[in-house]
mmCIF file of all heavy atoms, coordinates in Angstrom:
data_MODEL
# 
_entry.id   MODEL 
# 
loop_
_atom_site.group_PDB 
_atom_site.id 
_atom_site.type_symbol 
_atom_site.label_atom_id 
_atom_site.label_alt_id 
_atom_site.label_comp_id 
_atom_site.label_asym_id 
_atom_site.label_entity_id 
_atom_site.label_seq_id 
_atom_site.pdbx_PDB_ins_code 
_atom_site.Cartn_x 
_atom_site.Cartn_y 
_atom_site.Cartn_z 
_atom_site.occupancy 
_atom_site.B_iso_or_equiv 
_atom_site.pdbx_formal_charge 
_atom_site.auth_seq_id 
_atom_site.auth_comp_id 
_atom_site.auth_asym_id 
_atom_site.auth_atom_id 
_atom_site.pdbx_PDB_model_num 
ATOM 1   N N   . GLY A 1 1  ? 0.777  -1.233  0.000   1.00 0.00 ? 1  GLY A N   1 
ATOM 2   C CA  . GLY A 1 1  ? 0.000  0.000   0.000   1.00 0.00 ? 1  GLY A CA  1 
ATOM 3   C C   . GLY A 1 1  ? 0.806  1.279   0.000   1.00 0.00 ? 1  GLY A C   1 
ATOM 4   O O   . GLY A 1 1  ? 0.260  2.369   -0.158  1.00 0.00 ? 1  GLY A O   1 
ATOM 5   N N   . GLN A 1 2  ? 2.116  1.183   0.168   1.00 0.00 ? 2  GLN A N   1 
ATOM 6   C CA  . GLN A 1 2  ? 2.980  2.356   0.111   1.00 0.00 ? 2  GLN A CA  1 
ATOM 7   C C   . GLN A 1 2  ? 3.641  2.428   -1.267  1.00 0.00 ? 2  GLN A C   1 
ATOM 8   O O   . GLN A 1 2  ? 3.843  1.406   -1.915  1.00 0.00 ? 2  GLN A O   1 
ATOM 9   C CB  . GLN A 1 2  ? 4.076  2.282   1.175   1.00 0.00 ? 2  GLN A CB  1 
ATOM 10  C CG  . GLN A 1 2  ? 3.580  2.194   2.602   1.00 0.00 ? 2  GLN A CG  1 
ATOM 11  C CD  . GLN A 1 2  ? 4.739  2.128   3.573   1.00 0.00 ? 2  GLN A CD  1 
ATOM 12  O OE1 . GLN A 1 2  ? 5.386  3.132   3.867   1.00 0.00 ? 2  GLN A OE1 1 
ATOM 13  N NE2 . GLN A 1 2  ? 5.025  0.931   4.067   1.00 0.00 ? 2  GLN A NE2 1 
ATOM 14  N N   . ALA A 1 3  ? 4.000  3.639   -1.674  1.00 0.00 ? 3  ALA A N   1 
ATOM 15  C CA  . ALA A 1 3  ? 4.639  3.803   -2.986  1.00 0.00 ? 3  ALA A CA  1 
ATOM 16  C C   . ALA A 1 3  ? 5.682  4.904   -2.915  1.00 0.00 ? 3  ALA A C   1 
ATOM 17  O O   . ALA A 1 3  ? 5.566  5.848   -2.132  1.00 0.00 ? 3  ALA A O   1 
ATOM 18  C CB  . ALA A 1 3  ? 3.599  4.139   -4.048  1.00 0.00 ? 3  ALA A CB  1 
ATOM 19  N N   . LEU A 1 4  ? 6.720  4.765   -3.728  1.00 0.00 ? 4  LEU A N   1 
ATOM 20  C CA  . LEU A 1 4  ? 7.736  5.811   -3.841  1.00 0.00 ? 4  LEU A CA  1 
ATOM 21  C C   . LEU A 1 4  ? 8.339  5.795   -5.235  1.00 0.00 ? 4  LEU A C   1 
ATOM 22  O O   . LEU A 1 4  ? 8.166  4.847   -6.000  1.00 0.00 ? 4  LEU A O   1 
ATOM 23  C CB  . LEU A 1 4  ? 8.819  5.665   -2.765  1.00 0.00 ? 4  LEU A CB  1 
ATOM 24  C CG  . LEU A 1 4  ? 9.546  4.332   -2.564  1.00 0.00 ? 4  LEU A CG  1 
ATOM 25  C CD1 . LEU A 1 4  ? 10.548 4.071   -3.675  1.00 0.00 ? 4  LEU A CD1 1 
ATOM 26  C CD2 . LEU A 1 4  ? 10.258 4.325   -1.224  1.00 0.00 ? 4  LEU A CD2 1 
ATOM 27  N N   . THR A 1 5  ? 9.059  6.869   -5.549  1.00 0.00 ? 5  THR A N   1 
ATOM 28  C CA  . THR A 1 5  ? 9.672  7.024   -6.860  1.00 0.00 ? 5  THR A CA  1 
ATOM 29  C C   . THR A 1 5  ? 11.137 6.623   -6.815  1.00 0.00 ? 5  THR A C   1 
ATOM 30  O O   . THR A 1 5  ? 11.855 6.962   -5.874  1.00 0.00 ? 5  THR A O   1 
ATOM 31  C CB  . THR A 1 5  ? 9.565  8.491   -7.331  1.00 0.00 ? 5  THR A CB  1 
ATOM 32  O OG1 . THR A 1 5  ? 8.189  8.862   -7.377  1.00 0.00 ? 5  THR A OG1 1 
ATOM 33  C CG2 . THR A 1 5  ? 10.166 8.657   -8.722  1.00 0.00 ? 5  THR A CG2 1 
ATOM 34  N N   . LEU A 1 6  ? 11.571 5.889   -7.838  1.00 0.00 ? 6  LEU A N   1 
ATOM 35  C CA  . LEU A 1 6  ? 12.967 5.480   -7.961  1.00 0.00 ? 6  LEU A CA  1 
ATOM 36  C C   . LEU A 1 6  ? 13.658 6.286   -9.053  1.00 0.00 ? 6  LEU A C   1 
ATOM 37  O O   . LEU A 1 6  ? 13.006 6.862   -9.923  1.00 0.00 ? 6  LEU A O   1 
ATOM 38  C CB  . LEU A 1 6  ? 13.056 3.991   -8.325  1.00 0.00 ? 6  LEU A CB  1 
ATOM 39  C CG  . LEU A 1 6  ? 12.404 2.978   -7.379  1.00 0.00 ? 6  LEU A CG  1 
ATOM 40  C CD1 . LEU A 1 6  ? 12.533 1.580   -7.957  1.00 0.00 ? 6  LEU A CD1 1 
ATOM 41  C CD2 . LEU A 1 6  ? 13.008 3.047   -5.994  1.00 0.00 ? 6  LEU A CD2 1 
ATOM 42  N N   . THR A 1 7  ? 14.972 6.301   -9.027  1.00 0.00 ? 7  THR A N   1 
ATOM 43  C CA  . THR A 1 7  ? 15.724 6.808   -10.173 1.00 0.00 ? 7  THR A CA  1 
ATOM 44  C C   . THR A 1 7  ? 15.775 5.698   -11.226 1.00 0.00 ? 7  THR A C   1 
ATOM 45  O O   . THR A 1 7  ? 15.456 4.537   -10.941 1.00 0.00 ? 7  THR A O   1 
ATOM 46  C CB  . THR A 1 7  ? 17.164 7.195   -9.783  1.00 0.00 ? 7  THR A CB  1 
ATOM 47  O OG1 . THR A 1 7  ? 17.872 6.005   -9.404  1.00 0.00 ? 7  THR A OG1 1 
ATOM 48  C CG2 . THR A 1 7  ? 17.180 8.183   -8.636  1.00 0.00 ? 7  THR A CG2 1 
ATOM 49  N N   . LYS A 1 8  ? 16.191 6.043   -12.425 1.00 0.00 ? 8  LYS A N   1 
ATOM 50  C CA  . LYS A 1 8  ? 16.275 5.037   -13.485 1.00 0.00 ? 8  LYS A CA  1 
ATOM 51  C C   . LYS A 1 8  ? 17.258 3.934   -13.110 1.00 0.00 ? 8  LYS A C   1 
ATOM 52  O O   . LYS A 1 8  ? 16.991 2.745   -13.331 1.00 0.00 ? 8  LYS A O   1 
ATOM 53  C CB  . LYS A 1 8  ? 16.694 5.702   -14.803 1.00 0.00 ? 8  LYS A CB  1 
ATOM 54  C CG  . LYS A 1 8  ? 16.698 4.741   -15.981 1.00 0.00 ? 8  LYS A CG  1 
ATOM 55  C CD  . LYS A 1 8  ? 17.018 5.463   -17.275 1.00 0.00 ? 8  LYS A CD  1 
ATOM 56  C CE  . LYS A 1 8  ? 17.005 4.488   -18.453 1.00 0.00 ? 8  LYS A CE  1 
ATOM 57  N NZ  . LYS A 1 8  ? 17.319 5.168   -19.736 1.00 0.00 ? 8  LYS A NZ  1 
ATOM 58  N N   . LYS A 1 9  ? 18.415 4.297   -12.545 1.00 0.00 ? 9  LYS A N   1 
ATOM 59  C CA  . LYS A 1 9  ? 19.410 3.297   -12.148 1.00 0.00 ? 9  LYS A CA  1 
ATOM 60  C C   . LYS A 1 9  ? 18.854 2.374   -11.069 1.00 0.00 ? 9  LYS A C   1 
ATOM 61  O O   . LYS A 1 9  ? 19.067 1.154   -11.090 1.00 0.00 ? 9  LYS A O   1 
ATOM 62  C CB  . LYS A 1 9  ? 20.691 3.972   -11.642 1.00 0.00 ? 9  LYS A CB  1 
ATOM 63  C CG  . LYS A 1 9  ? 21.388 4.862   -12.650 1.00 0.00 ? 9  LYS A CG  1 
ATOM 64  C CD  . LYS A 1 9  ? 21.894 4.103   -13.849 1.00 0.00 ? 9  LYS A CD  1 
ATOM 65  C CE  . LYS A 1 9  ? 22.747 5.012   -14.726 1.00 0.00 ? 9  LYS A CE  1 
ATOM 66  N NZ  . LYS A 1 9  ? 22.981 4.445   -16.069 1.00 0.00 ? 9  LYS A NZ  1 
ATOM 67  N N   . GLU A 1 10 ? 18.159 2.950   -10.088 1.00 0.00 ? 10 GLU A N   1 
ATOM 68  C CA  . GLU A 1 10 ? 17.576 2.144   -9.016  1.00 0.00 ? 10 GLU A CA  1 
ATOM 69  C C   . GLU A 1 10 ? 16.547 1.159   -9.561  1.00 0.00 ? 10 GLU A C   1 
ATOM 70  O O   . GLU A 1 10 ? 16.489 -0.001  -9.137  1.00 0.00 ? 10 GLU A O   1 
ATOM 71  C CB  . GLU A 1 10 ? 16.939 3.047   -7.961  1.00 0.00 ? 10 GLU A CB  1 
ATOM 72  C CG  . GLU A 1 10 ? 17.942 3.842   -7.147  1.00 0.00 ? 10 GLU A CG  1 
ATOM 73  C CD  . GLU A 1 10 ? 17.306 4.938   -6.328  1.00 0.00 ? 10 GLU A CD  1 
ATOM 74  O OE1 . GLU A 1 10 ? 16.122 5.274   -6.580  1.00 0.00 ? 10 GLU A OE1 1 
ATOM 75  O OE2 . GLU A 1 10 ? 17.974 5.480   -5.440  1.00 0.00 ? 10 GLU A OE2 1 
ATOM 76  N N   . ALA A 1 11 ? 15.729 1.615   -10.526 1.00 0.00 ? 11 ALA A N   1 
ATOM 77  C CA  . ALA A 1 11 ? 14.714 0.738   -11.111 1.00 0.00 ? 11 ALA A CA  1 
ATOM 78  C C   . ALA A 1 11 ? 15.365 -0.413  -11.883 1.00 0.00 ? 11 ALA A C   1 
ATOM 79  O O   . ALA A 1 11 ? 14.930 -1.567  -11.783 1.00 0.00 ? 11 ALA A O   1 
ATOM 80  C CB  . ALA A 1 11 ? 13.792 1.541   -12.025 1.00 0.00 ? 11 ALA A CB  1 
ATOM 81  N N   . LEU A 1 12 ? 16.412 -0.112  -12.652 1.00 0.00 ? 12 LEU A N   1 
ATOM 82  C CA  . LEU A 1 12 ? 17.115 -1.159  -13.398 1.00 0.00 ? 12 LEU A CA  1 
ATOM 83  C C   . LEU A 1 12 ? 17.761 -2.169  -12.453 1.00 0.00 ? 12 LEU A C   1 
ATOM 84  O O   . LEU A 1 12 ? 17.722 -3.386  -12.687 1.00 0.00 ? 12 LEU A O   1 
ATOM 85  C CB  . LEU A 1 12 ? 18.184 -0.533  -14.298 1.00 0.00 ? 12 LEU A CB  1 
ATOM 86  C CG  . LEU A 1 12 ? 17.699 0.226   -15.531 1.00 0.00 ? 12 LEU A CG  1 
ATOM 87  C CD1 . LEU A 1 12 ? 18.849 0.999   -16.164 1.00 0.00 ? 12 LEU A CD1 1 
ATOM 88  C CD2 . LEU A 1 12 ? 17.067 -0.721  -16.542 1.00 0.00 ? 12 LEU A CD2 1 
ATOM 89  N N   . LEU A 1 13 ? 18.350 -1.670  -11.392 1.00 0.00 ? 13 LEU A N   1 
ATOM 90  C CA  . LEU A 1 13 ? 19.000 -2.524  -10.409 1.00 0.00 ? 13 LEU A CA  1 
ATOM 91  C C   . LEU A 1 13 ? 17.991 -3.449  -9.733  1.00 0.00 ? 13 LEU A C   1 
ATOM 92  O O   . LEU A 1 13 ? 18.193 -4.674  -9.656  1.00 0.00 ? 13 LEU A O   1 
ATOM 93  C CB  . LEU A 1 13 ? 19.697 -1.640  -9.368  1.00 0.00 ? 13 LEU A CB  1 
ATOM 94  C CG  . LEU A 1 13 ? 20.357 -2.318  -8.165  1.00 0.00 ? 13 LEU A CG  1 
ATOM 95  C CD1 . LEU A 1 13 ? 21.384 -3.340  -8.616  1.00 0.00 ? 13 LEU A CD1 1 
ATOM 96  C CD2 . LEU A 1 13 ? 21.005 -1.265  -7.272  1.00 0.00 ? 13 LEU A CD2 1 
ATOM 97  N N   . LEU A 1 14 ? 16.879 -2.875  -9.280  1.00 0.00 ? 14 LEU A N   1 
ATOM 98  C CA  . LEU A 1 14 ? 15.873 -3.684  -8.591  1.00 0.00 ? 14 LEU A CA  1 
ATOM 99  C C   . LEU A 1 14 ? 15.204 -4.676  -9.543  1.00 0.00 ? 14 LEU A C   1 
ATOM 100 O O   . LEU A 1 14 ? 14.896 -5.808  -9.160  1.00 0.00 ? 14 LEU A O   1 
ATOM 101 C CB  . LEU A 1 14 ? 14.815 -2.772  -7.961  1.00 0.00 ? 14 LEU A CB  1 
ATOM 102 C CG  . LEU A 1 14 ? 13.822 -3.454  -7.031  1.00 0.00 ? 14 LEU A CG  1 
ATOM 103 C CD1 . LEU A 1 14 ? 14.539 -4.186  -5.906  1.00 0.00 ? 14 LEU A CD1 1 
ATOM 104 C CD2 . LEU A 1 14 ? 12.838 -2.440  -6.469  1.00 0.00 ? 14 LEU A CD2 1 
ATOM 105 N N   . GLU A 1 15 ? 15.009 -4.272  -10.797 1.00 0.00 ? 15 GLU A N   1 
ATOM 106 C CA  . GLU A 1 15 ? 14.434 -5.189  -11.780 1.00 0.00 ? 15 GLU A CA  1 
ATOM 107 C C   . GLU A 1 15 ? 15.308 -6.436  -11.925 1.00 0.00 ? 15 GLU A C   1 
ATOM 108 O O   . GLU A 1 15 ? 14.793 -7.570  -11.946 1.00 0.00 ? 15 GLU A O   1 
ATOM 109 C CB  . GLU A 1 15 ? 14.284 -4.497  -13.136 1.00 0.00 ? 15 GLU A CB  1 
ATOM 110 C CG  . GLU A 1 15 ? 13.723 -5.399  -14.218 1.00 0.00 ? 15 GLU A CG  1 
ATOM 111 C CD  . GLU A 1 15 ? 13.556 -4.706  -15.555 1.00 0.00 ? 15 GLU A CD  1 
ATOM 112 O OE1 . GLU A 1 15 ? 13.626 -3.464  -15.604 1.00 0.00 ? 15 GLU A OE1 1 
ATOM 113 O OE2 . GLU A 1 15 ? 13.349 -5.416  -16.564 1.00 0.00 ? 15 GLU A OE2 1 
ATOM 114 N N   . SER A 1 16 ? 16.614 -6.256  -12.009 1.00 0.00 ? 16 SER A N   1 
ATOM 115 C CA  . SER A 1 16 ? 17.521 -7.401  -12.136 1.00 0.00 ? 16 SER A CA  1 
ATOM 116 C C   . SER A 1 16 ? 17.460 -8.296  -10.905 1.00 0.00 ? 16 SER A C   1 
ATOM 117 O O   . SER A 1 16 ? 17.433 -9.531  -11.019 1.00 0.00 ? 16 SER A O   1 
ATOM 118 C CB  . SER A 1 16 ? 18.956 -6.909  -12.343 1.00 0.00 ? 16 SER A CB  1 
ATOM 119 O OG  . SER A 1 16 ? 19.082 -6.229  -13.569 1.00 0.00 ? 16 SER A OG  1 
ATOM 120 N N   . LEU A 1 17 ? 17.428 -7.693  -9.726  1.00 0.00 ? 17 LEU A N   1 
ATOM 121 C CA  . LEU A 1 17 ? 17.407 -8.473  -8.490  1.00 0.00 ? 17 LEU A CA  1 
ATOM 122 C C   . LEU A 1 17 ? 16.109 -9.267  -8.342  1.00 0.00 ? 17 LEU A C   1 
ATOM 123 O O   . LEU A 1 17 ? 16.117 -10.417 -7.885  1.00 0.00 ? 17 LEU A O   1 
ATOM 124 C CB  . LEU A 1 17 ? 17.593 -7.544  -7.284  1.00 0.00 ? 17 LEU A CB  1 
ATOM 125 C CG  . LEU A 1 17 ? 18.964 -6.877  -7.156  1.00 0.00 ? 17 LEU A CG  1 
ATOM 126 C CD1 . LEU A 1 17 ? 18.948 -5.819  -6.062  1.00 0.00 ? 17 LEU A CD1 1 
ATOM 127 C CD2 . LEU A 1 17 ? 20.044 -7.915  -6.878  1.00 0.00 ? 17 LEU A CD2 1 
ATOM 128 N N   . ILE A 1 18 ? 14.985 -8.650  -8.735  1.00 0.00 ? 18 ILE A N   1 
ATOM 129 C CA  . ILE A 1 18 ? 13.696 -9.352  -8.634  1.00 0.00 ? 18 ILE A CA  1 
ATOM 130 C C   . ILE A 1 18 ? 13.621 -10.480 -9.657  1.00 0.00 ? 18 ILE A C   1 
ATOM 131 O O   . ILE A 1 18 ? 13.212 -11.602 -9.337  1.00 0.00 ? 18 ILE A O   1 
ATOM 132 C CB  . ILE A 1 18 ? 12.516 -8.373  -8.836  1.00 0.00 ? 18 ILE A CB  1 
ATOM 133 C CG1 . ILE A 1 18 ? 12.433 -7.382  -7.673  1.00 0.00 ? 18 ILE A CG1 1 
ATOM 134 C CG2 . ILE A 1 18 ? 11.194 -9.139  -8.952  1.00 0.00 ? 18 ILE A CG2 1 
ATOM 135 C CD1 . ILE A 1 18 ? 11.368 -6.317  -7.840  1.00 0.00 ? 18 ILE A CD1 1 
ATOM 136 N N   . ARG A 1 19 ? 14.030 -10.192 -10.889 1.00 0.00 ? 19 ARG A N   1 
ATOM 137 C CA  . ARG A 1 19 ? 13.924 -11.201 -11.953 1.00 0.00 ? 19 ARG A CA  1 
ATOM 138 C C   . ARG A 1 19 ? 14.766 -12.443 -11.639 1.00 0.00 ? 19 ARG A C   1 
ATOM 139 O O   . ARG A 1 19 ? 14.367 -13.563 -11.965 1.00 0.00 ? 19 ARG A O   1 
ATOM 140 C CB  . ARG A 1 19 ? 14.351 -10.604 -13.288 1.00 0.00 ? 19 ARG A CB  1 
ATOM 141 C CG  . ARG A 1 19 ? 13.337 -9.658  -13.919 1.00 0.00 ? 19 ARG A CG  1 
ATOM 142 C CD  . ARG A 1 19 ? 13.719 -9.328  -15.335 1.00 0.00 ? 19 ARG A CD  1 
ATOM 143 N NE  . ARG A 1 19 ? 12.786 -8.414  -15.960 1.00 0.00 ? 19 ARG A NE  1 
ATOM 144 C CZ  . ARG A 1 19 ? 11.612 -8.782  -16.478 1.00 0.00 ? 19 ARG A CZ  1 
ATOM 145 N NH1 . ARG A 1 19 ? 11.242 -10.057 -16.413 1.00 0.00 ? 19 ARG A NH1 1 
ATOM 146 N NH2 . ARG A 1 19 ? 10.823 -7.891  -17.043 1.00 0.00 ? 19 ARG A NH2 1 
ATOM 147 N N   . LEU A 1 20 ? 15.940 -12.267 -11.040 1.00 0.00 ? 20 LEU A N   1 
ATOM 148 C CA  . LEU A 1 20 ? 16.835 -13.391 -10.805 1.00 0.00 ? 20 LEU A CA  1 
ATOM 149 C C   . LEU A 1 20 ? 16.704 -13.974 -9.391  1.00 0.00 ? 20 LEU A C   1 
ATOM 150 O O   . LEU A 1 20 ? 17.430 -14.900 -9.044  1.00 0.00 ? 20 LEU A O   1 
ATOM 151 C CB  . LEU A 1 20 ? 18.275 -12.976 -11.074 1.00 0.00 ? 20 LEU A CB  1 
ATOM 152 C CG  . LEU A 1 20 ? 18.590 -12.700 -12.553 1.00 0.00 ? 20 LEU A CG  1 
ATOM 153 C CD1 . LEU A 1 20 ? 20.013 -12.200 -12.718 1.00 0.00 ? 20 LEU A CD1 1 
ATOM 154 C CD2 . LEU A 1 20 ? 18.379 -13.952 -13.392 1.00 0.00 ? 20 LEU A CD2 1 
ATOM 155 N N   . TYR A 1 21 ? 15.814 -13.430 -8.582  1.00 0.00 ? 21 TYR A N   1 
ATOM 156 C CA  . TYR A 1 21 ? 15.617 -13.965 -7.236  1.00 0.00 ? 21 TYR A CA  1 
ATOM 157 C C   . TYR A 1 21 ? 15.215 -15.447 -7.317  1.00 0.00 ? 21 TYR A C   1 
ATOM 158 O O   . TYR A 1 21 ? 14.426 -15.823 -8.163  1.00 0.00 ? 21 TYR A O   1 
ATOM 159 C CB  . TYR A 1 21 ? 14.509 -13.167 -6.525  1.00 0.00 ? 21 TYR A CB  1 
ATOM 160 C CG  . TYR A 1 21 ? 14.187 -13.714 -5.142  1.00 0.00 ? 21 TYR A CG  1 
ATOM 161 C CD1 . TYR A 1 21 ? 14.939 -13.342 -4.049  1.00 0.00 ? 21 TYR A CD1 1 
ATOM 162 C CD2 . TYR A 1 21 ? 13.138 -14.634 -4.970  1.00 0.00 ? 21 TYR A CD2 1 
ATOM 163 C CE1 . TYR A 1 21 ? 14.662 -13.865 -2.782  1.00 0.00 ? 21 TYR A CE1 1 
ATOM 164 C CE2 . TYR A 1 21 ? 12.866 -15.161 -3.716  1.00 0.00 ? 21 TYR A CE2 1 
ATOM 165 C CZ  . TYR A 1 21 ? 13.632 -14.770 -2.630  1.00 0.00 ? 21 TYR A CZ  1 
ATOM 166 O OH  . TYR A 1 21 ? 13.367 -15.300 -1.393  1.00 0.00 ? 21 TYR A OH  1 
ATOM 167 N N   . PRO A 1 22 ? 15.758 -16.319 -6.459  1.00 0.00 ? 22 PRO A N   1 
ATOM 168 C CA  . PRO A 1 22 ? 16.618 -16.057 -5.303  1.00 0.00 ? 22 PRO A CA  1 
ATOM 169 C C   . PRO A 1 22 ? 18.106 -16.169 -5.615  1.00 0.00 ? 22 PRO A C   1 
ATOM 170 O O   . PRO A 1 22 ? 18.911 -16.322 -4.707  1.00 0.00 ? 22 PRO A O   1 
ATOM 171 C CB  . PRO A 1 22 ? 16.192 -17.159 -4.332  1.00 0.00 ? 22 PRO A CB  1 
ATOM 172 C CG  . PRO A 1 22 ? 15.911 -18.313 -5.236  1.00 0.00 ? 22 PRO A CG  1 
ATOM 173 C CD  . PRO A 1 22 ? 15.299 -17.730 -6.485  1.00 0.00 ? 22 PRO A CD  1 
ATOM 174 N N   . ASN A 1 23 ? 18.475 -16.100 -6.881  1.00 0.00 ? 23 ASN A N   1 
ATOM 175 C CA  . ASN A 1 23 ? 19.880 -16.249 -7.265  1.00 0.00 ? 23 ASN A CA  1 
ATOM 176 C C   . ASN A 1 23 ? 20.671 -14.966 -7.027  1.00 0.00 ? 23 ASN A C   1 
ATOM 177 O O   . ASN A 1 23 ? 20.113 -13.863 -6.947  1.00 0.00 ? 23 ASN A O   1 
ATOM 178 C CB  . ASN A 1 23 ? 19.986 -16.645 -8.735  1.00 0.00 ? 23 ASN A CB  1 
ATOM 179 C CG  . ASN A 1 23 ? 19.335 -17.986 -9.009  1.00 0.00 ? 23 ASN A CG  1 
ATOM 180 O OD1 . ASN A 1 23 ? 19.443 -18.908 -8.210  1.00 0.00 ? 23 ASN A OD1 1 
ATOM 181 N ND2 . ASN A 1 23 ? 18.648 -18.088 -10.137 1.00 0.00 ? 23 ASN A ND2 1 
ATOM 182 N N   . VAL A 1 24 ? 21.977 -15.115 -6.962  1.00 0.00 ? 24 VAL A N   1 
ATOM 183 C CA  . VAL A 1 24 ? 22.881 -13.969 -6.857  1.00 0.00 ? 24 VAL A CA  1 
ATOM 184 C C   . VAL A 1 24 ? 23.040 -13.335 -8.238  1.00 0.00 ? 24 VAL A C   1 
ATOM 185 O O   . VAL A 1 24 ? 23.189 -14.040 -9.240  1.00 0.00 ? 24 VAL A O   1 
ATOM 186 C CB  . VAL A 1 24 ? 24.262 -14.410 -6.316  1.00 0.00 ? 24 VAL A CB  1 
ATOM 187 C CG1 . VAL A 1 24 ? 25.231 -13.222 -6.303  1.00 0.00 ? 24 VAL A CG1 1 
ATOM 188 C CG2 . VAL A 1 24 ? 24.120 -15.006 -4.926  1.00 0.00 ? 24 VAL A CG2 1 
ATOM 189 N N   . VAL A 1 25 ? 23.000 -12.006 -8.293  1.00 0.00 ? 25 VAL A N   1 
ATOM 190 C CA  . VAL A 1 25 ? 23.243 -11.288 -9.545  1.00 0.00 ? 25 VAL A CA  1 
ATOM 191 C C   . VAL A 1 25 ? 24.678 -10.769 -9.494  1.00 0.00 ? 25 VAL A C   1 
ATOM 192 O O   . VAL A 1 25 ? 25.056 -10.049 -8.570  1.00 0.00 ? 25 VAL A O   1 
ATOM 193 C CB  . VAL A 1 25 ? 22.265 -10.109 -9.717  1.00 0.00 ? 25 VAL A CB  1 
ATOM 194 C CG1 . VAL A 1 25 ? 22.455 -9.464  -11.089 1.00 0.00 ? 25 VAL A CG1 1 
ATOM 195 C CG2 . VAL A 1 25 ? 20.825 -10.572 -9.538  1.00 0.00 ? 25 VAL A CG2 1 
ATOM 196 N N   . SER A 1 26 ? 25.478 -11.157 -10.463 1.00 0.00 ? 26 SER A N   1 
ATOM 197 C CA  . SER A 1 26 ? 26.891 -10.783 -10.445 1.00 0.00 ? 26 SER A CA  1 
ATOM 198 C C   . SER A 1 26 ? 27.081 -9.285  -10.641 1.00 0.00 ? 26 SER A C   1 
ATOM 199 O O   . SER A 1 26 ? 26.248 -8.601  -11.241 1.00 0.00 ? 26 SER A O   1 
ATOM 200 C CB  . SER A 1 26 ? 27.656 -11.529 -11.540 1.00 0.00 ? 26 SER A CB  1 
ATOM 201 O OG  . SER A 1 26 ? 27.320 -11.027 -12.818 1.00 0.00 ? 26 SER A OG  1 
# 
């Protein structure tokens, strides 16, 4: 229910971490 704005770099970083979860992203 909470929301906030990310920078473009933060969004790209989090997208990679979510997509590859639970694996380590190099």
